[in-house]
Amino acid sequence: MRRALILDLDDTLYPERRFALSGFAAVARAVECEHGYPACAAFHLLRRELRSGRRAQAFQRLADAMSLDLSHVARFREVYRRHQPRLRLPRASRNAIAEARRSWRVGLLTNGTPAIQRNKVEALGLSSMVEAVIYAHEVGAGKPDAEVFRVACDALGVMPNRAVMAGDDPWCDVDGARSAGLRAIRVRQGWHRDVESGETGPADATVRTIGEVPAAAGRLIHESHDDAD
């Protein structure tokens, strides 16, 4: 009768924007070293594109500003993806995980390139704080595919009907969890905070902050006398 709380990573446990800024700083240092372009100017340009909602074009804009051929964009992306991120886990997330672990098996289930996600998990110090970390694209097609949620439940030793998924994405996290038989908590923050719902409608519970997740999960799946085993 164990129960599990499965958490998304990006924009649920920490603001994913911080990873982008860390990567942009690494690219800025690289272009100064390789091309003599001031790192400060490169970073401010990239940050401006992020703030303006033009993240996908940021490296092309940097190449244009440096009068470089667009073939250099691939190099910028390589530096961005391979850099060792400088990240800090917010205290609210740390406290929420600690609270949940008193009566839940706690795991992470994250989409994205596994090597990049591993670097994030390491930088945030999360491996030692949870029972399992599942990189969705190593075990299946990624969220919202139902199979990756079942793999996460297996890793935590619970049946899907004894598991709750908490994340910011109404499609990947909420719809995916429901398709696998889990309950779902929508954390309304990050890029998707203003989206009303995914394909399956509202989540089983909706919260504004990660700190509200343990209590919301407890209302969805009550603790039994066997849960602490």
Protein backbone atom coordinates (compact mmCIF):
# COMPACT_ATOMS: atom_id res chain seq x y z
CA MET A 1 0.00 0.00 0.00
CA ARG A 2 2.91 2.35 -0.60
CA ARG A 3 2.23 5.59 -2.41
CA ALA A 4 4.47 7.66 -4.66
CA LEU A 5 4.79 11.30 -5.60
CA ILE A 6 6.44 11.82 -8.98
CA LEU A 7 7.73 15.30 -9.76
CA ASP A 8 8.53 17.05 -13.00
CA LEU A 9 11.82 18.96 -13.09
CA ASP A 10 11.85 22.04 -15.34
CA ASP A 11 9.54 24.87 -14.23
CA THR A 12 8.22 22.67 -11.43
CA LEU A 13 11.14 22.26 -9.04
CA TYR A 14 13.15 25.23 -10.33
CA PRO A 15 12.64 27.97 -12.96
CA GLU A 16 13.93 26.55 -16.26
CA ARG A 17 14.85 30.10 -17.29
CA ARG A 18 17.82 29.80 -14.91
CA PHE A 19 19.23 26.98 -16.99
CA ALA A 20 18.86 29.08 -20.13
CA LEU A 21 20.74 31.96 -18.52
CA SER A 22 23.47 29.61 -17.31
CA GLY A 23 23.83 28.25 -20.85
CA PHE A 24 23.87 31.73 -22.35
CA ALA A 25 26.66 32.71 -19.97
CA ALA A 26 28.68 29.70 -21.13
CA VAL A 27 28.12 30.63 -24.78
CA ALA A 28 29.11 34.23 -24.07
CA ARG A 29 32.39 33.10 -22.51
CA ALA A 30 33.05 30.84 -25.50
CA VAL A 31 32.50 33.54 -28.11
CA GLU A 32 34.84 35.90 -26.29
CA CYS A 33 37.51 33.20 -26.18
CA GLU A 34 37.03 32.02 -29.76
CA HIS A 35 36.09 35.26 -31.56
CA GLY A 36 37.12 38.12 -29.27
CA TYR A 37 33.52 39.34 -28.99
CA PRO A 38 32.88 40.76 -25.48
CA ALA A 39 31.19 38.16 -23.25
CA CYS A 40 29.13 40.84 -21.51
CA ALA A 41 27.67 42.07 -24.81
CA ALA A 42 26.94 38.54 -25.99
CA PHE A 43 25.20 37.61 -22.75
CA HIS A 44 23.04 40.73 -22.72
CA LEU A 45 21.97 40.10 -26.31
CA LEU A 46 20.99 36.49 -25.53
CA ARG A 47 19.18 37.50 -22.35
CA ARG A 48 17.25 40.15 -24.24
CA GLU A 49 16.06 37.57 -26.76
CA LEU A 50 14.92 35.30 -23.92
CA ARG A 51 12.98 38.09 -22.22
CA SER A 52 11.36 39.03 -25.54
CA GLY A 53 10.11 35.49 -26.13
CA ARG A 54 12.53 34.92 -29.00
CA ARG A 55 14.61 32.21 -27.36
CA ALA A 56 14.57 29.96 -30.43
CA GLN A 57 16.25 32.68 -32.51
CA ALA A 58 18.75 33.82 -29.87
CA PHE A 59 21.83 32.13 -31.33
CA GLN A 60 21.00 33.29 -34.85
CA ARG A 61 20.73 36.86 -33.53
CA LEU A 62 24.11 36.49 -31.84
CA ALA A 63 25.73 35.26 -35.05
CA ASP A 64 24.23 38.23 -36.91
CA ALA A 65 25.53 40.67 -34.29
CA MET A 66 29.02 39.18 -34.64
CA SER A 67 28.83 39.15 -38.47
CA LEU A 68 29.36 35.40 -38.41
CA ASP A 69 28.06 32.81 -40.83
CA LEU A 70 25.01 30.98 -39.47
CA SER A 71 27.07 27.79 -39.48
CA HIS A 72 28.43 29.00 -36.12
CA VAL A 73 24.99 28.54 -34.56
CA ALA A 74 25.66 24.81 -34.27
CA ARG A 75 28.75 25.57 -32.17
CA PHE A 76 26.73 27.85 -29.88
CA ARG A 77 24.16 25.10 -29.40
CA GLU A 78 26.84 22.57 -28.60
CA VAL A 79 28.31 24.79 -25.88
CA TYR A 80 24.85 25.46 -24.49
CA ARG A 81 23.88 21.79 -24.32
CA ARG A 82 27.17 20.53 -22.90
CA HIS A 83 27.88 23.19 -20.30
CA GLN A 84 27.84 22.39 -16.60
CA PRO A 85 24.93 24.49 -15.37
CA ARG A 86 25.09 26.76 -12.36
CA LEU A 87 21.77 26.17 -10.65
CA ARG A 88 20.33 26.32 -7.14
CA LEU A 89 17.32 24.39 -5.91
CA PRO A 90 14.82 26.83 -4.39
CA ARG A 91 14.21 26.38 -0.68
CA ALA A 92 10.50 25.83 -1.30
CA SER A 93 11.28 22.82 -3.51
CA ARG A 94 13.77 21.44 -1.02
CA ASN A 95 11.22 21.74 1.77
CA ALA A 96 8.42 20.20 -0.30
CA ILE A 97 10.54 17.15 -1.15
CA ALA A 98 11.57 16.72 2.49
CA GLU A 99 7.95 16.94 3.62
CA ALA A 100 6.76 14.47 0.99
CA ARG A 101 9.43 11.92 1.83
CA ARG A 102 7.99 11.49 5.32
CA SER A 103 5.21 9.34 3.88
CA TRP A 104 5.74 9.06 0.11
CA ARG A 105 8.19 7.43 -2.24
CA VAL A 106 9.42 10.43 -4.22
CA GLY A 107 10.81 10.37 -7.75
CA LEU A 108 11.60 12.65 -10.68
CA LEU A 109 10.34 12.11 -14.21
CA THR A 110 11.79 14.51 -16.74
CA ASN A 111 11.68 14.97 -20.49
CA GLY A 112 14.55 16.31 -22.53
CA THR A 113 17.96 15.15 -23.68
CA PRO A 114 19.12 12.80 -20.90
CA ALA A 115 22.68 14.16 -20.78
CA ILE A 116 21.40 17.71 -20.33
CA GLN A 117 18.84 16.67 -17.73
CA ARG A 118 21.48 14.73 -15.80
CA ASN A 119 23.61 17.85 -15.61
CA LYS A 120 20.65 19.77 -14.22
CA VAL A 121 19.86 17.09 -11.63
CA GLU A 122 23.50 17.04 -10.53
CA ALA A 123 23.73 20.83 -10.31
CA LEU A 124 20.55 20.98 -8.23
CA GLY A 125 21.70 18.17 -5.91
CA LEU A 126 18.51 16.19 -6.47
CA SER A 127 19.82 12.63 -6.82
CA SER A 128 20.31 12.21 -3.09
CA MET A 129 16.93 13.76 -2.29
CA VAL A 130 14.67 11.28 -4.13
CA GLU A 131 14.33 7.52 -4.52
CA ALA A 132 14.52 7.47 -8.32
CA VAL A 133 15.24 9.74 -11.28
CA ILE A 134 13.71 8.64 -14.58
CA TYR A 135 14.85 10.23 -17.83
CA ALA A 136 11.79 9.75 -19.98
CA HIS A 137 13.60 9.66 -23.32
CA GLU A 138 15.79 6.80 -22.13
CA VAL A 139 12.85 4.53 -21.33
CA GLY A 140 10.31 5.47 -24.01
CA ALA A 141 9.00 8.22 -26.23
CA GLY A 142 8.93 10.73 -23.38
CA LYS A 143 6.02 12.37 -21.62
CA PRO A 144 3.07 12.29 -22.29
CA ASP A 145 3.54 8.65 -23.39
CA ALA A 146 1.86 6.47 -20.75
CA GLU A 147 4.69 3.94 -20.70
CA VAL A 148 7.19 6.31 -19.09
CA PHE A 149 4.81 6.91 -16.19
CA ARG A 150 4.45 3.18 -15.68
CA VAL A 151 8.24 2.83 -15.68
CA ALA A 152 8.42 5.55 -13.02
CA CYS A 153 5.86 3.72 -10.89
CA ASP A 154 7.83 0.49 -11.25
CA ALA A 155 11.02 2.26 -10.18
CA LEU A 156 9.25 3.49 -7.06
CA GLY A 157 7.56 0.16 -6.31
CA VAL A 158 3.95 1.34 -6.57
CA MET A 159 0.92 0.71 -8.74
CA PRO A 160 -0.23 3.66 -10.89
CA ASN A 161 -3.40 4.07 -8.82
CA ARG A 162 -1.17 4.76 -5.80
CA ALA A 163 0.86 7.46 -7.54
CA VAL A 164 0.48 11.19 -8.10
CA MET A 165 2.29 13.17 -10.79
CA ALA A 166 2.95 16.88 -10.15
CA GLY A 167 4.12 19.17 -12.93
CA ASP A 168 3.59 22.43 -14.77
CA ASP A 169 2.77 21.07 -18.22
CA PRO A 170 -0.94 20.31 -18.79
CA TRP A 171 -0.15 17.98 -21.69
CA CYS A 172 3.08 16.21 -20.78
CA ASP A 173 2.44 15.98 -17.04
CA VAL A 174 -1.32 16.00 -16.53
CA ASP A 175 -2.61 14.26 -19.66
CA GLY A 176 0.28 11.81 -19.63
CA ALA A 177 -0.21 10.83 -16.01
CA ARG A 178 -3.92 10.32 -16.44
CA SER A 179 -3.42 8.13 -19.48
CA ALA A 180 -1.31 5.82 -17.32
CA GLY A 181 -3.78 5.69 -14.43
CA LEU A 182 -2.07 8.18 -12.09
CA ARG A 183 -3.61 11.19 -10.39
CA ALA A 184 -2.27 14.55 -11.55
CA ILE A 185 -1.50 17.86 -9.87
CA ARG A 186 -1.03 20.93 -12.03
CA VAL A 187 1.54 23.38 -10.69
CA ARG A 188 0.57 26.67 -12.29
CA GLN A 189 3.96 28.24 -12.89
CA GLY A 190 6.52 28.50 -15.65
CA TRP A 191 5.82 28.84 -19.37
CA HIS A 192 2.44 27.08 -19.15
CA ARG A 193 0.98 28.90 -16.15
CA ASP A 194 -1.69 30.73 -18.19
CA VAL A 195 -2.81 27.69 -20.22
CA GLU A 196 -6.22 26.57 -19.03
CA SER A 197 -5.85 22.80 -19.45
CA GLY A 198 -4.64 20.00 -21.69
CA GLU A 199 -6.70 17.59 -23.75
CA THR A 200 -8.22 15.77 -20.77
CA GLY A 201 -9.42 18.87 -18.96
CA PRO A 202 -8.43 20.23 -15.53
CA ALA A 203 -6.03 18.28 -13.35
CA ASP A 204 -7.21 16.36 -10.29
CA ALA A 205 -5.80 19.26 -8.26
CA THR A 206 -4.27 22.62 -9.12
CA VAL A 207 -1.80 24.57 -6.99
CA ARG A 208 0.16 27.78 -7.40
CA THR A 209 3.43 26.74 -5.79
CA ILE A 210 5.50 23.62 -5.26
CA GLY A 211 5.05 24.04 -1.51
CA GLU A 212 1.36 23.17 -1.86
CA VAL A 213 2.02 19.86 -3.63
CA PRO A 214 2.47 17.47 -0.66
CA ALA A 215 -0.82 18.48 0.96
CA ALA A 216 -2.66 18.37 -2.37
CA ALA A 217 -1.25 14.92 -3.09
CA GLY A 218 -2.32 13.76 0.35
CA ARG A 219 -5.89 14.74 -0.38
CA LEU A 220 -5.83 12.68 -3.58
CA ILE A 221 -4.31 9.52 -2.09
CA HIS A 222 -4.69 9.14 1.64
CA GLU A 223 -2.00 7.57 3.77
CA SER A 224 -2.73 4.08 5.09
CA HIS A 225 -1.08 2.24 7.97
CA ASP A 226 1.14 0.44 5.43
CA ASP A 227 2.47 3.52 3.65
CA ALA A 228 5.53 3.96 5.82
CA ASP A 229 6.77 0.41 5.13
